[in-house]
Structure formats: C-alpha cells, structure tokens
Amino acid sequence: MRRSRRIVVTLSLVSIAILVAVTPAPAQTPKYGGHLNLMQREDLPQGFAVHETSTIATSFPSMPCFNNLVVFDQTKRAETVDNLVGELAEKWSWQDNYRNLVFLLRKNVKWHDGQPFSSKDVKFTFDMLREAPDAPAKLRINPRKDWYSNVEAVEAPDANTVVFRLKRPQPGLLVMLASGYTPIYAAHVNPASYRTGCIGTGPFKMKEWRKGEFVDYVKNPDYFMKGRPYLDSLRYVVRAESVRPSVSINHFGSRGFAAYAATSAQCQRRCAAFHRVRRGSLAQGAGRPSPCPCRSGFSRDPFGA
C-alpha cells in the first residue's frame, strides 16, 4: 500500500515538474512558428468520423480539424456551464424557460475547401445526429443519438442563426454541445468521407494520414480567429505499444499542448481504482475529474482556441 502511494505521488510530482518546465510564464508573449509532435495510442479506428465513434482515439486527433459551436474555456480548471466560450457561435441565449436555445453564428467562416460556413451546416449536423425524419444524411453508426432525444427541432431562420427547440427545459444541453464529441460537419460533404479525410473549419488542415504511422496537420491560414494558431504544424504519432506519455516540442509557440498515450496494464488498473474513488465527488458536481496520476497529460491546447 505504501509502495503504491509512493508511486502515485512520484508520478504526480513528475507531471507537475514537466508542466512547469514547458508552460510559458503568464507575461511571456507567444511566438509564431514551430512544430508539435503528439502521441496517439492507436490508429484512428473510424478515421475522422467523430460522430460515428465512441472513443477518444478518434476525437483527440481529429479536433484540430474541427470546431464546435461552443467549448469549455481552456484557461479554467473546471468544465462547467459557466466556463463556456464561443467557437462557431459568437453569442447564445436561452428563451422560453430553457426550451429554446438560440445561437448567433460567426460570419466569414470558411471550410477548409473554401466553401462558406452557415447555419445550414449546423442544422445538417444535428438533424443527422438526432436522426430527424427529414435529415439529408445518415450515420453508419450513431453512438450519441440519445443525447439529442429532447431536441424537437433545429431551425435555421437565416444564414447566421440557429435555434434548438426542446421538448422540455434542458439547461445542460450546452455542456454536451461543448464536448469533444460535438464538432460541426460540412453540409456539402458526404459524412462517410470523414472516415478517410477531414474537411473542417478548425485551426489546422489535415495534410496526410498514413495509417498506422501518423496524422499530419498544417496551419489553416484562413482560420477565423485572427492571429491563430501559433504553430505551423502538428503530427500525431501512432504508438500502439504500451508506453509512458510523452510529447516532443521543436518550438513552443502556443498557449499549451496535450499528450495522450497508452499506459501499462498495471497503470490502467490503478486508474480504474483511482476513478472509482473520484466518482462520488463527481456525482456531487465537483467539476471535471482529476486526471489519473498515471497519465501525465496536459490540459491546455495548441489549437488557437
């Protein structure tokens, strides 16, 4: 027992030391340029089709390509409804006692193929996810259909406005829309094509996916957040064997980064026990779960959000 506790404490201290060593000081001005390598524990099981998968092995290396309507503020420690910031949505508001959720979208946003982004894309995505009778497309598998069972309709009254009409009040819908599993798909792209490629609005464009080896991204020069991202390129390196988390930085020009890697069977058992202990506090609304001490990852992203 004491030996296990020492291991956990040691790993935690190592994680903190790494984080302090690579995180720029608050007053430091970010620099442009550079390349970031990130570890991927397995090849992308569904390509970039986030809406057809239930595993982070797809969503984690796909998110540089995509944007959500809203996301959690990456500078905040807890992921709560009070810590949301807009991505493709500039503003949002509840109406009719949390029965209607209205989004005002950003203007002059482009997909990676040059097509304009609009409310049509948002309606297309969520009609497909909730499997509306008149949805123009269908997913091969839809693991999160139940997330949207309370959505009665998604309306696009104009190019820059989207309205979610709910059957019952549901303030927590915003939290689901901020997750890593709710990117917006392009209405003019066949959803099946995301299994082999990625057309998004995100800060990075997919350059190459060499199956079993890596995924390469390059900076999106037309990204709607001016001056972002700072990095020129990313590479997700597939490492299928059990290894400790690590990240390689040639030039650190962003606010932060993330590392996600496989762990040993022993460490996975410790993580399972760790989260069983944490589950009680999570049920009481303590915020997002504390990271397992075995996974020395980093929570701030390099994607310009």
C-alpha atoms as a PDB file:
ATOM      1  CA  MET A   1       0.000   0.000   0.000  1.00  0.00           C
ATOM      2  CA  ARG A   2       2.771   2.409   0.942  1.00  0.00           C
ATOM      3  CA  ARG A   3       4.701   1.463  -2.175  1.00  0.00           C
ATOM      4  CA  SER A   4       1.666   2.170  -4.404  1.00  0.00           C
ATOM      5  CA  ARG A   5       1.153   5.507  -2.690  1.00  0.00           C
ATOM      6  CA  ARG A   6       4.786   6.445  -3.250  1.00  0.00           C
ATOM      7  CA  ILE A   7       4.442   5.563  -6.944  1.00  0.00           C
ATOM      8  CA  VAL A   8       1.353   7.742  -7.328  1.00  0.00           C
ATOM      9  CA  VAL A   9       2.959  10.689  -5.537  1.00  0.00           C
ATOM     10  CA  THR A  10       6.158  10.344  -7.579  1.00  0.00           C
ATOM     11  CA  LEU A  11       4.254  10.260 -10.873  1.00  0.00           C
ATOM     12  CA  SER A  12       2.214  13.291  -9.861  1.00  0.00           C
ATOM     13  CA  LEU A  13       5.337  15.264  -8.965  1.00  0.00           C
ATOM     14  CA  VAL A  14       6.949  14.294 -12.269  1.00  0.00           C
ATOM     15  CA  SER A  15       3.843  15.511 -14.136  1.00  0.00           C
ATOM     16  CA  ILE A  16       3.916  18.831 -12.302  1.00  0.00           C
ATOM     17  CA  ALA A  17       7.628  19.262 -12.990  1.00  0.00           C
ATOM     18  CA  ILE A  18       7.120  18.663 -16.713  1.00  0.00           C
ATOM     19  CA  LEU A  19       4.191  21.070 -16.844  1.00  0.00           C
ATOM     20  CA  VAL A  20       6.136  23.820 -15.089  1.00  0.00           C
ATOM     21  CA  ALA A  21       9.154  23.262 -17.306  1.00  0.00           C
ATOM     22  CA  VAL A  22       7.280  23.716 -20.609  1.00  0.00           C
ATOM     23  CA  THR A  23       4.485  26.159 -19.738  1.00  0.00           C
ATOM     24  CA  PRO A  24       5.348  29.752 -20.711  1.00  0.00           C
ATOM     25  CA  ALA A  25       5.205  32.387 -17.999  1.00  0.00           C
ATOM     26  CA  PRO A  26       1.944  34.370 -17.917  1.00  0.00           C
ATOM     27  CA  ALA A  27       3.672  37.514 -19.185  1.00  0.00           C
ATOM     28  CA  GLN A  28       5.515  35.727 -21.977  1.00  0.00           C
ATOM     29  CA  THR A  29       4.380  36.689 -25.499  1.00  0.00           C
ATOM     30  CA  PRO A  30       3.588  33.628 -27.649  1.00  0.00           C
ATOM     31  CA  LYS A  31       5.789  33.208 -30.696  1.00  0.00           C
ATOM     32  CA  TYR A  32       4.672  32.089 -34.117  1.00  0.00           C
ATOM     33  CA  GLY A  33       6.037  29.030 -35.862  1.00  0.00           C
ATOM     34  CA  GLY A  34       7.212  25.600 -34.868  1.00  0.00           C
ATOM     35  CA  HIS A  35       6.031  22.015 -34.981  1.00  0.00           C
ATOM     36  CA  LEU A  36       4.441  19.845 -32.303  1.00  0.00           C
ATOM     37  CA  ASN A  37       4.517  16.041 -32.095  1.00  0.00           C
ATOM     38  CA  LEU A  38       1.812  14.327 -30.046  1.00  0.00           C
ATOM     39  CA  MET A  39       1.474  10.678 -29.159  1.00  0.00           C
ATOM     40  CA  GLN A  40      -1.542   8.665 -30.299  1.00  0.00           C
ATOM     41  CA  ARG A  41      -2.039   5.314 -28.584  1.00  0.00           C
ATOM     42  CA  GLU A  42      -3.713   3.656 -31.602  1.00  0.00           C
ATOM     43  CA  ASP A  43      -4.605   4.350 -35.188  1.00  0.00           C
ATOM     44  CA  LEU A  44      -7.828   6.262 -35.790  1.00  0.00           C
ATOM     45  CA  PRO A  45     -10.486   3.492 -35.640  1.00  0.00           C
ATOM     46  CA  GLN A  46     -13.105   5.495 -37.569  1.00  0.00           C
ATOM     47  CA  GLY A  47     -10.822   7.905 -39.345  1.00  0.00           C
ATOM     48  CA  PHE A  48     -12.000  11.458 -38.583  1.00  0.00           C
ATOM     49  CA  ALA A  49     -15.690  10.496 -38.292  1.00  0.00           C
ATOM     50  CA  VAL A  50     -16.100  11.703 -34.700  1.00  0.00           C
ATOM     51  CA  HIS A  51     -19.879  11.275 -34.846  1.00  0.00           C
ATOM     52  CA  GLU A  52     -19.502   7.581 -35.667  1.00  0.00           C
ATOM     53  CA  THR A  53     -17.251   6.696 -32.769  1.00  0.00           C
ATOM     54  CA  SER A  54     -17.411   6.487 -29.002  1.00  0.00           C
ATOM     55  CA  THR A  55     -13.663   6.529 -28.403  1.00  0.00           C
ATOM     56  CA  ILE A  56     -11.244   9.365 -27.752  1.00  0.00           C
ATOM     57  CA  ALA A  57      -8.814   7.618 -30.115  1.00  0.00           C
ATOM     58  CA  THR A  58     -10.787   9.307 -32.907  1.00  0.00           C
ATOM     59  CA  SER A  59     -11.889  12.581 -31.319  1.00  0.00           C
ATOM     60  CA  PHE A  60      -8.497  13.509 -29.819  1.00  0.00           C
ATOM     61  CA  PRO A  61      -6.506  13.561 -33.097  1.00  0.00           C
ATOM     62  CA  SER A  62      -9.477  14.926 -35.092  1.00  0.00           C
ATOM     63  CA  MET A  63     -10.297  18.079 -33.126  1.00  0.00           C
ATOM     64  CA  PRO A  64      -7.568  20.290 -34.681  1.00  0.00           C
ATOM     65  CA  CYS A  65      -9.580  19.987 -37.906  1.00  0.00           C
ATOM     66  CA  PHE A  66     -12.982  20.837 -36.392  1.00  0.00           C
ATOM     67  CA  ASN A  67     -14.845  23.425 -34.365  1.00  0.00           C
ATOM     68  CA  ASN A  68     -17.809  23.204 -32.010  1.00  0.00           C
ATOM     69  CA  LEU A  69     -20.493  25.795 -31.527  1.00  0.00           C
ATOM     70  CA  VAL A  70     -19.138  26.300 -28.005  1.00  0.00           C
ATOM     71  CA  VAL A  71     -16.258  24.859 -25.985  1.00  0.00           C
ATOM     72  CA  PHE A  72     -15.046  24.943 -22.409  1.00  0.00           C
ATOM     73  CA  ASP A  73     -12.663  27.768 -21.590  1.00  0.00           C
ATOM     74  CA  GLN A  74      -9.239  26.097 -21.583  1.00  0.00           C
ATOM     75  CA  THR A  75      -7.888  28.605 -19.071  1.00  0.00           C
ATOM     76  CA  LYS A  76     -10.365  27.432 -16.410  1.00  0.00           C
ATOM     77  CA  ARG A  77      -9.802  24.431 -14.185  1.00  0.00           C
ATOM     78  CA  ALA A  78     -13.417  23.188 -14.170  1.00  0.00           C
ATOM     79  CA  GLU A  79     -15.600  22.361 -17.163  1.00  0.00           C
ATOM     80  CA  THR A  80     -18.935  23.912 -16.211  1.00  0.00           C
ATOM     81  CA  VAL A  81     -21.747  25.729 -17.971  1.00  0.00           C
ATOM     82  CA  ASP A  82     -20.345  28.973 -16.544  1.00  0.00           C
ATOM     83  CA  ASN A  83     -16.996  28.387 -18.264  1.00  0.00           C
ATOM     84  CA  LEU A  84     -18.145  28.211 -21.878  1.00  0.00           C
ATOM     85  CA  VAL A  85     -16.729  30.283 -24.725  1.00  0.00           C
ATOM     86  CA  GLY A  86     -17.889  30.522 -28.311  1.00  0.00           C
ATOM     87  CA  GLU A  87     -16.225  28.908 -31.292  1.00  0.00           C
ATOM     88  CA  LEU A  88     -18.514  28.881 -34.325  1.00  0.00           C
ATOM     89  CA  ALA A  89     -21.136  30.639 -32.192  1.00  0.00           C
ATOM     90  CA  GLU A  90     -20.467  34.231 -31.186  1.00  0.00           C
ATOM     91  CA  LYS A  91     -23.430  34.526 -28.823  1.00  0.00           C
ATOM     92  CA  TRP A  92     -26.172  32.323 -27.449  1.00  0.00           C
ATOM     93  CA  SER A  93     -29.193  32.736 -25.220  1.00  0.00           C
ATOM     94  CA  TRP A  94     -31.996  30.710 -23.678  1.00  0.00           C
ATOM     95  CA  GLN A  95     -35.632  31.572 -24.294  1.00  0.00           C
ATOM     96  CA  ASP A  96     -38.994  30.267 -23.113  1.00  0.00           C
ATOM     97  CA  ASN A  97     -37.686  28.921 -19.796  1.00  0.00           C
ATOM     98  CA  TYR A  98     -34.823  26.855 -21.296  1.00  0.00           C
ATOM     99  CA  ARG A  99     -36.950  25.424 -24.104  1.00  0.00           C
ATOM    100  CA  ASN A 100     -35.376  27.369 -26.960  1.00  0.00           C
ATOM    101  CA  LEU A 101     -31.612  27.779 -27.352  1.00  0.00           C
ATOM    102  CA  VAL A 102     -30.626  30.458 -29.883  1.00  0.00           C
ATOM    103  CA  PHE A 103     -27.135  30.708 -31.398  1.00  0.00           C
ATOM    104  CA  LEU A 104     -25.787  33.665 -33.361  1.00  0.00           C
ATOM    105  CA  LEU A 105     -23.008  32.336 -35.583  1.00  0.00           C
ATOM    106  CA  ARG A 106     -19.732  33.877 -36.658  1.00  0.00           C
ATOM    107  CA  LYS A 107     -19.637  35.423 -40.097  1.00  0.00           C
ATOM    108  CA  ASN A 108     -16.985  34.947 -42.787  1.00  0.00           C
ATOM    109  CA  VAL A 109     -16.012  31.455 -41.620  1.00  0.00           C
ATOM    110  CA  LYS A 110     -14.809  29.078 -44.344  1.00  0.00           C
ATOM    111  CA  TRP A 111     -14.475  25.338 -44.595  1.00  0.00           C
ATOM    112  CA  HIS A 112     -11.044  24.012 -45.498  1.00  0.00           C
ATOM    113  CA  ASP A 113     -12.151  23.585 -49.121  1.00  0.00           C
ATOM    114  CA  GLY A 114     -13.127  27.259 -49.342  1.00  0.00           C
ATOM    115  CA  GLN A 115     -16.903  26.848 -49.029  1.00  0.00           C
ATOM    116  CA  PRO A 116     -18.662  29.277 -46.638  1.00  0.00           C
ATOM    117  CA  PHE A 117     -19.890  28.063 -43.260  1.00  0.00           C
ATOM    118  CA  SER A 118     -23.503  28.827 -42.328  1.00  0.00           C
ATOM    119  CA  SER A 119     -26.434  27.752 -40.169  1.00  0.00           C
ATOM    120  CA  LYS A 120     -27.191  25.140 -42.825  1.00  0.00           C
ATOM    121  CA  ASP A 121     -24.151  23.171 -41.643  1.00  0.00           C
ATOM    122  CA  VAL A 122     -25.267  23.264 -38.010  1.00  0.00           C
ATOM    123  CA  LYS A 123     -28.793  22.125 -38.856  1.00  0.00           C
ATOM    124  CA  PHE A 124     -27.370  19.403 -41.106  1.00  0.00           C
ATOM    125  CA  THR A 125     -25.124  18.099 -38.298  1.00  0.00           C
ATOM    126  CA  PHE A 126     -27.719  17.947 -35.552  1.00  0.00           C
ATOM    127  CA  ASP A 127     -30.585  16.705 -37.723  1.00  0.00           C
ATOM    128  CA  MET A 128     -28.256  13.864 -38.687  1.00  0.00           C
ATOM    129  CA  LEU A 129     -27.272  13.202 -35.065  1.00  0.00           C
ATOM    130  CA  ARG A 130     -30.829  13.085 -33.774  1.00  0.00           C
ATOM    131  CA  GLU A 131     -31.936  11.122 -36.874  1.00  0.00           C
ATOM    132  CA  ALA A 132     -34.701  13.539 -37.799  1.00  0.00           C
ATOM    133  CA  PRO A 133     -37.188  12.134 -40.342  1.00  0.00           C
ATOM    134  CA  ASP A 134     -36.123  14.712 -42.936  1.00  0.00           C
ATOM    135  CA  ALA A 135     -32.377  14.528 -42.211  1.00  0.00           C
ATOM    136  CA  PRO A 136     -30.458  14.742 -45.509  1.00  0.00           C
ATOM    137  CA  ALA A 137     -27.818  12.226 -44.369  1.00  0.00           C
ATOM    138  CA  LYS A 138     -27.452   9.250 -42.062  1.00  0.00           C
ATOM    139  CA  LEU A 139     -24.541   7.975 -39.999  1.00  0.00           C
ATOM    140  CA  ARG A 140     -23.368   4.384 -40.295  1.00  0.00           C
ATOM    141  CA  ILE A 141     -23.444   4.139 -36.500  1.00  0.00           C
ATOM    142  CA  ASN A 142     -24.746   6.806 -34.124  1.00  0.00           C
ATOM    143  CA  PRO A 143     -23.490   6.221 -30.555  1.00  0.00           C
ATOM    144  CA  ARG A 144     -24.836   9.505 -29.161  1.00  0.00           C
ATOM    145  CA  LYS A 145     -28.324   9.686 -30.670  1.00  0.00           C
ATOM    146  CA  ASP A 146     -29.841   9.674 -27.162  1.00  0.00           C
ATOM    147  CA  TRP A 147     -28.016  12.896 -26.334  1.00  0.00           C
ATOM    148  CA  TYR A 148     -30.492  14.718 -28.551  1.00  0.00           C
ATOM    149  CA  SER A 149     -33.709  12.889 -27.709  1.00  0.00           C
ATOM    150  CA  ASN A 150     -35.087  16.073 -26.120  1.00  0.00           C
ATOM    151  CA  VAL A 151     -34.483  18.161 -29.258  1.00  0.00           C
ATOM    152  CA  GLU A 152     -37.767  18.591 -31.096  1.00  0.00           C
ATOM    153  CA  ALA A 153     -36.413  20.644 -33.979  1.00  0.00           C
ATOM    154  CA  VAL A 154     -33.338  22.510 -35.203  1.00  0.00           C
ATOM    155  CA  GLU A 155     -34.177  25.612 -37.215  1.00  0.00           C
ATOM    156  CA  ALA A 156     -32.038  27.884 -39.372  1.00  0.00           C
ATOM    157  CA  PRO A 157     -34.098  31.070 -39.894  1.00  0.00           C
ATOM    158  CA  ASP A 158     -31.154  32.787 -41.601  1.00  0.00           C
ATOM    159  CA  ALA A 159     -27.532  32.070 -42.503  1.00  0.00           C
ATOM    160  CA  ASN A 160     -26.203  33.214 -39.123  1.00  0.00           C
ATOM    161  CA  THR A 161     -28.869  31.998 -36.691  1.00  0.00           C
ATOM    162  CA  VAL A 162     -29.686  28.537 -35.338  1.00  0.00           C
ATOM    163  CA  VAL A 163     -32.483  27.661 -32.917  1.00  0.00           C
ATOM    164  CA  PHE A 164     -32.691  24.420 -30.927  1.00  0.00           C
ATOM    165  CA  ARG A 165     -36.319  23.844 -29.909  1.00  0.00           C
ATOM    166  CA  LEU A 166     -36.627  21.429 -26.981  1.00  0.00           C
ATOM    167  CA  LYS A 167     -39.493  19.273 -25.738  1.00  0.00           C
ATOM    168  CA  ARG A 168     -38.653  20.053 -22.117  1.00  0.00           C
ATOM    169  CA  PRO A 169     -36.323  22.536 -20.389  1.00  0.00           C
ATOM    170  CA  GLN A 170     -32.722  21.288 -20.525  1.00  0.00           C
ATOM    171  CA  PRO A 171     -30.083  23.821 -19.405  1.00  0.00           C
ATOM    172  CA  GLY A 172     -27.410  21.089 -19.547  1.00  0.00           C
ATOM    173  CA  LEU A 173     -27.644  20.830 -23.330  1.00  0.00           C
ATOM    174  CA  LEU A 174     -24.958  23.498 -23.631  1.00  0.00           C
ATOM    175  CA  VAL A 175     -22.494  21.326 -21.726  1.00  0.00           C
ATOM    176  CA  MET A 176     -23.000  18.460 -24.183  1.00  0.00           C
ATOM    177  CA  LEU A 177     -22.509  20.821 -27.112  1.00  0.00           C
ATOM    178  CA  ALA A 178     -19.126  21.812 -25.645  1.00  0.00           C
ATOM    179  CA  SER A 179     -17.746  18.277 -25.535  1.00  0.00           C
ATOM    180  CA  GLY A 180     -15.129  16.827 -27.851  1.00  0.00           C
ATOM    181  CA  TYR A 181     -17.841  14.720 -29.479  1.00  0.00           C
ATOM    182  CA  THR A 182     -19.901  17.562 -30.979  1.00  0.00           C
ATOM    183  CA  PRO A 183     -17.973  19.067 -33.913  1.00  0.00           C
ATOM    184  CA  ILE A 184     -19.886  20.592 -36.801  1.00  0.00           C
ATOM    185  CA  TYR A 185     -19.796  18.698 -40.097  1.00  0.00           C
ATOM    186  CA  ALA A 186     -19.980  20.353 -43.515  1.00  0.00           C
ATOM    187  CA  ALA A 187     -23.392  20.002 -45.153  1.00  0.00           C
ATOM    188  CA  HIS A 188     -21.835  19.830 -48.618  1.00  0.00           C
ATOM    189  CA  VAL A 189     -19.592  16.874 -47.682  1.00  0.00           C
ATOM    190  CA  ASN A 190     -20.730  13.253 -47.525  1.00  0.00           C
ATOM    191  CA  PRO A 191     -20.428  12.191 -43.830  1.00  0.00           C
ATOM    192  CA  ALA A 192     -18.848   8.906 -44.960  1.00  0.00           C
ATOM    193  CA  SER A 193     -15.870  10.851 -46.340  1.00  0.00           C
ATOM    194  CA  TYR A 194     -14.807  11.742 -42.791  1.00  0.00           C
ATOM    195  CA  ARG A 195     -13.710   8.137 -42.336  1.00  0.00           C
ATOM    196  CA  THR A 196     -10.772   8.821 -44.648  1.00  0.00           C
ATOM    197  CA  GLY A 197     -10.287  12.602 -44.591  1.00  0.00           C
ATOM    198  CA  CYS A 198     -11.332  15.809 -42.869  1.00  0.00           C
ATOM    199  CA  ILE A 199     -12.961  18.983 -44.168  1.00  0.00           C
ATOM    200  CA  GLY A 200     -13.486  21.227 -41.174  1.00  0.00           C
ATOM    201  CA  THR A 201     -13.319  24.856 -40.092  1.00  0.00           C
ATOM    202  CA  GLY A 202     -10.619  24.280 -37.486  1.00  0.00           C
ATOM    203  CA  PRO A 203      -7.222  25.920 -36.996  1.00  0.00           C
ATOM    204  CA  PHE A 204      -5.374  23.091 -38.755  1.00  0.00           C
ATOM    205  CA  LYS A 205      -5.910  21.372 -42.089  1.00  0.00           C
ATOM    206  CA  MET A 206      -5.234  17.683 -42.496  1.00  0.00           C
ATOM    207  CA  LYS A 207      -2.211  17.212 -44.736  1.00  0.00           C
ATOM    208  CA  GLU A 208      -1.696  13.442 -44.626  1.00  0.00           C
ATOM    209  CA  TRP A 209      -2.917  10.393 -42.763  1.00  0.00           C
ATOM    210  CA  ARG A 210      -0.544   7.474 -43.084  1.00  0.00           C
ATOM    211  CA  LYS A 211      -2.456   4.649 -41.452  1.00  0.00           C
ATOM    212  CA  GLY A 212      -0.705   3.028 -38.543  1.00  0.00           C
ATOM    213  CA  GLU A 213       2.020   5.691 -38.539  1.00  0.00           C
ATOM    214  CA  PHE A 214       0.903   9.324 -38.179  1.00  0.00           C
ATOM    215  CA  VAL A 215      -1.565  12.110 -38.940  1.00  0.00           C
ATOM    216  CA  ASP A 216      -0.089  15.384 -40.204  1.00  0.00           C
ATOM    217  CA  TYR A 217      -1.769  18.803 -39.922  1.00  0.00           C
ATOM    218  CA  VAL A 218      -0.696  22.187 -41.267  1.00  0.00           C
ATOM    219  CA  LYS A 219      -1.766  25.645 -40.148  1.00  0.00           C
ATOM    220  CA  ASN A 220      -5.029  26.961 -41.591  1.00  0.00           C
ATOM    221  CA  PRO A 221      -4.143  30.423 -42.972  1.00  0.00           C
ATOM    222  CA  ASP A 222      -7.847  31.332 -43.244  1.00  0.00           C
ATOM    223  CA  TYR A 223      -8.771  30.473 -39.661  1.00  0.00           C
ATOM    224  CA  PHE A 224     -11.492  32.798 -38.395  1.00  0.00           C
ATOM    225  CA  MET A 225      -9.639  33.621 -35.160  1.00  0.00           C
ATOM    226  CA  LYS A 226      -7.152  36.152 -36.457  1.00  0.00           C
ATOM    227  CA  GLY A 227      -3.558  35.522 -35.442  1.00  0.00           C
ATOM    228  CA  ARG A 228      -4.228  31.879 -34.524  1.00  0.00           C
ATOM    229  CA  PRO A 229      -2.916  29.258 -34.393  1.00  0.00           C
ATOM    230  CA  TYR A 230       0.655  29.956 -33.413  1.00  0.00           C
ATOM    231  CA  LEU A 231       2.086  26.610 -34.512  1.00  0.00           C
ATOM    232  CA  ASP A 232       2.829  25.839 -38.164  1.00  0.00           C
ATOM    233  CA  SER A 233       2.122  22.120 -37.971  1.00  0.00           C
ATOM    234  CA  LEU A 234       1.155  19.122 -35.847  1.00  0.00           C
ATOM    235  CA  ARG A 235       1.883  15.422 -36.088  1.00  0.00           C
ATOM    236  CA  TYR A 236       0.018  12.718 -34.157  1.00  0.00           C
ATOM    237  CA  VAL A 237       2.385   9.758 -33.993  1.00  0.00           C
ATOM    238  CA  VAL A 238       0.747   6.353 -33.574  1.00  0.00           C
ATOM    239  CA  ARG A 239       2.395   4.314 -30.821  1.00  0.00           C
ATOM    240  CA  ALA A 240       0.366   1.141 -30.351  1.00  0.00           C
ATOM    241  CA  GLU A 241       2.641  -0.379 -27.708  1.00  0.00           C
ATOM    242  CA  SER A 242       2.253   0.499 -24.025  1.00  0.00           C
ATOM    243  CA  VAL A 243       4.484   3.449 -23.265  1.00  0.00           C
ATOM    244  CA  ARG A 244       4.567   6.369 -20.893  1.00  0.00           C
ATOM    245  CA  PRO A 245       3.026   9.643 -22.106  1.00  0.00           C
ATOM    246  CA  SER A 246       5.455  11.945 -23.814  1.00  0.00           C
ATOM    247  CA  VAL A 247       5.483  14.912 -26.156  1.00  0.00           C
ATOM    248  CA  SER A 248       8.145  16.329 -28.426  1.00  0.00           C
ATOM    249  CA  ILE A 249       8.371  20.070 -28.958  1.00  0.00           C
ATOM    250  CA  ASN A 250      10.608  21.633 -31.586  1.00  0.00           C
ATOM    251  CA  HIS A 251       9.355  25.114 -30.886  1.00  0.00           C
ATOM    252  CA  PHE A 252       6.803  26.007 -28.245  1.00  0.00           C
ATOM    253  CA  GLY A 253       4.792  28.853 -29.730  1.00  0.00           C
ATOM    254  CA  SER A 254       1.326  28.264 -28.284  1.00  0.00           C
ATOM    255  CA  ARG A 255      -0.553  28.511 -25.004  1.00  0.00           C
ATOM    256  CA  GLY A 256      -0.231  24.859 -24.190  1.00  0.00           C
ATOM    257  CA  PHE A 257      -0.439  21.340 -25.516  1.00  0.00           C
ATOM    258  CA  ALA A 258      -1.913  17.923 -24.871  1.00  0.00           C
ATOM    259  CA  ALA A 259      -0.408  14.471 -24.722  1.00  0.00           C
ATOM    260  CA  TYR A 260      -2.419  11.280 -24.817  1.00  0.00           C
ATOM    261  CA  ALA A 261      -0.782   7.880 -24.643  1.00  0.00           C
ATOM    262  CA  ALA A 262      -1.345   4.301 -23.711  1.00  0.00           C
ATOM    263  CA  THR A 263      -0.341   3.097 -20.284  1.00  0.00           C
ATOM    264  CA  SER A 264       0.766  -0.234 -18.940  1.00  0.00           C
ATOM    265  CA  ALA A 265      -1.778  -2.780 -17.703  1.00  0.00           C
ATOM    266  CA  GLN A 266      -0.633  -2.094 -14.131  1.00  0.00           C
ATOM    267  CA  CYS A 267      -1.202   1.621 -14.542  1.00  0.00           C
ATOM    268  CA  GLN A 268      -4.624   1.047 -16.112  1.00  0.00           C
ATOM    269  CA  ARG A 269      -5.645  -0.930 -13.027  1.00  0.00           C
ATOM    270  CA  ARG A 270      -4.514   1.945 -10.818  1.00  0.00           C
ATOM    271  CA  CYS A 271      -6.502   4.399 -12.944  1.00  0.00           C
ATOM    272  CA  ALA A 272      -9.649   2.307 -12.611  1.00  0.00           C
ATOM    273  CA  ALA A 273      -9.289   2.274  -8.819  1.00  0.00           C
ATOM    274  CA  PHE A 274      -8.493   5.992  -8.787  1.00  0.00           C
ATOM    275  CA  HIS A 275     -11.660   6.922 -10.699  1.00  0.00           C
ATOM    276  CA  ARG A 276     -13.831   4.653  -8.551  1.00  0.00           C
ATOM    277  CA  VAL A 277     -12.750   6.774  -5.596  1.00  0.00           C
ATOM    278  CA  ARG A 278     -13.374  10.028  -7.505  1.00  0.00           C
ATOM    279  CA  ARG A 279     -16.821   9.046  -8.773  1.00  0.00           C
ATOM    280  CA  GLY A 280     -18.564  10.005  -5.550  1.00  0.00           C
ATOM    281  CA  SER A 281     -17.342  13.595  -5.640  1.00  0.00           C
ATOM    282  CA  LEU A 282     -18.151  13.910  -9.346  1.00  0.00           C
ATOM    283  CA  ALA A 283     -21.745  12.948  -8.686  1.00  0.00           C
ATOM    284  CA  GLN A 284     -21.943  15.914  -6.324  1.00  0.00           C
ATOM    285  CA  GLY A 285     -20.918  18.335  -9.059  1.00  0.00           C
ATOM    286  CA  ALA A 286     -17.271  18.768  -8.166  1.00  0.00           C
ATOM    287  CA  GLY A 287     -16.353  19.627 -11.768  1.00  0.00           C
ATOM    288  CA  ARG A 288     -14.340  17.582 -14.220  1.00  0.00           C
ATOM    289  CA  PRO A 289     -12.487  14.507 -12.944  1.00  0.00           C
ATOM    290  CA  SER A 290      -8.953  14.818 -11.730  1.00  0.00           C
ATOM    291  CA  PRO A 291      -6.549  13.189 -14.176  1.00  0.00           C
ATOM    292  CA  CYS A 292      -5.307   9.764 -13.197  1.00  0.00           C
ATOM    293  CA  PRO A 293      -1.812  10.104 -11.697  1.00  0.00           C
ATOM    294  CA  CYS A 294      -0.633   7.504 -14.209  1.00  0.00           C
ATOM    295  CA  ARG A 295      -1.491   9.743 -17.153  1.00  0.00           C
ATOM    296  CA  SER A 296       0.823  12.725 -17.164  1.00  0.00           C
ATOM    297  CA  GLY A 297      -1.091  14.722 -19.765  1.00  0.00           C
ATOM    298  CA  PHE A 298      -1.622  18.409 -20.222  1.00  0.00           C
ATOM    299  CA  SER A 299      -4.979  20.148 -20.416  1.00  0.00           C
ATOM    300  CA  ARG A 300      -4.215  23.270 -22.456  1.00  0.00           C
ATOM    301  CA  ASP A 301      -4.352  23.084 -26.202  1.00  0.00           C
ATOM    302  CA  PRO A 302      -2.159  24.390 -29.060  1.00  0.00           C
ATOM    303  CA  PHE A 303      -5.013  24.841 -31.472  1.00  0.00           C
ATOM    304  CA  GLY A 304      -5.566  28.549 -31.073  1.00  0.00           C
ATOM    305  CA  ALA A 305      -8.872  28.352 -29.219  1.00  0.00           C
END
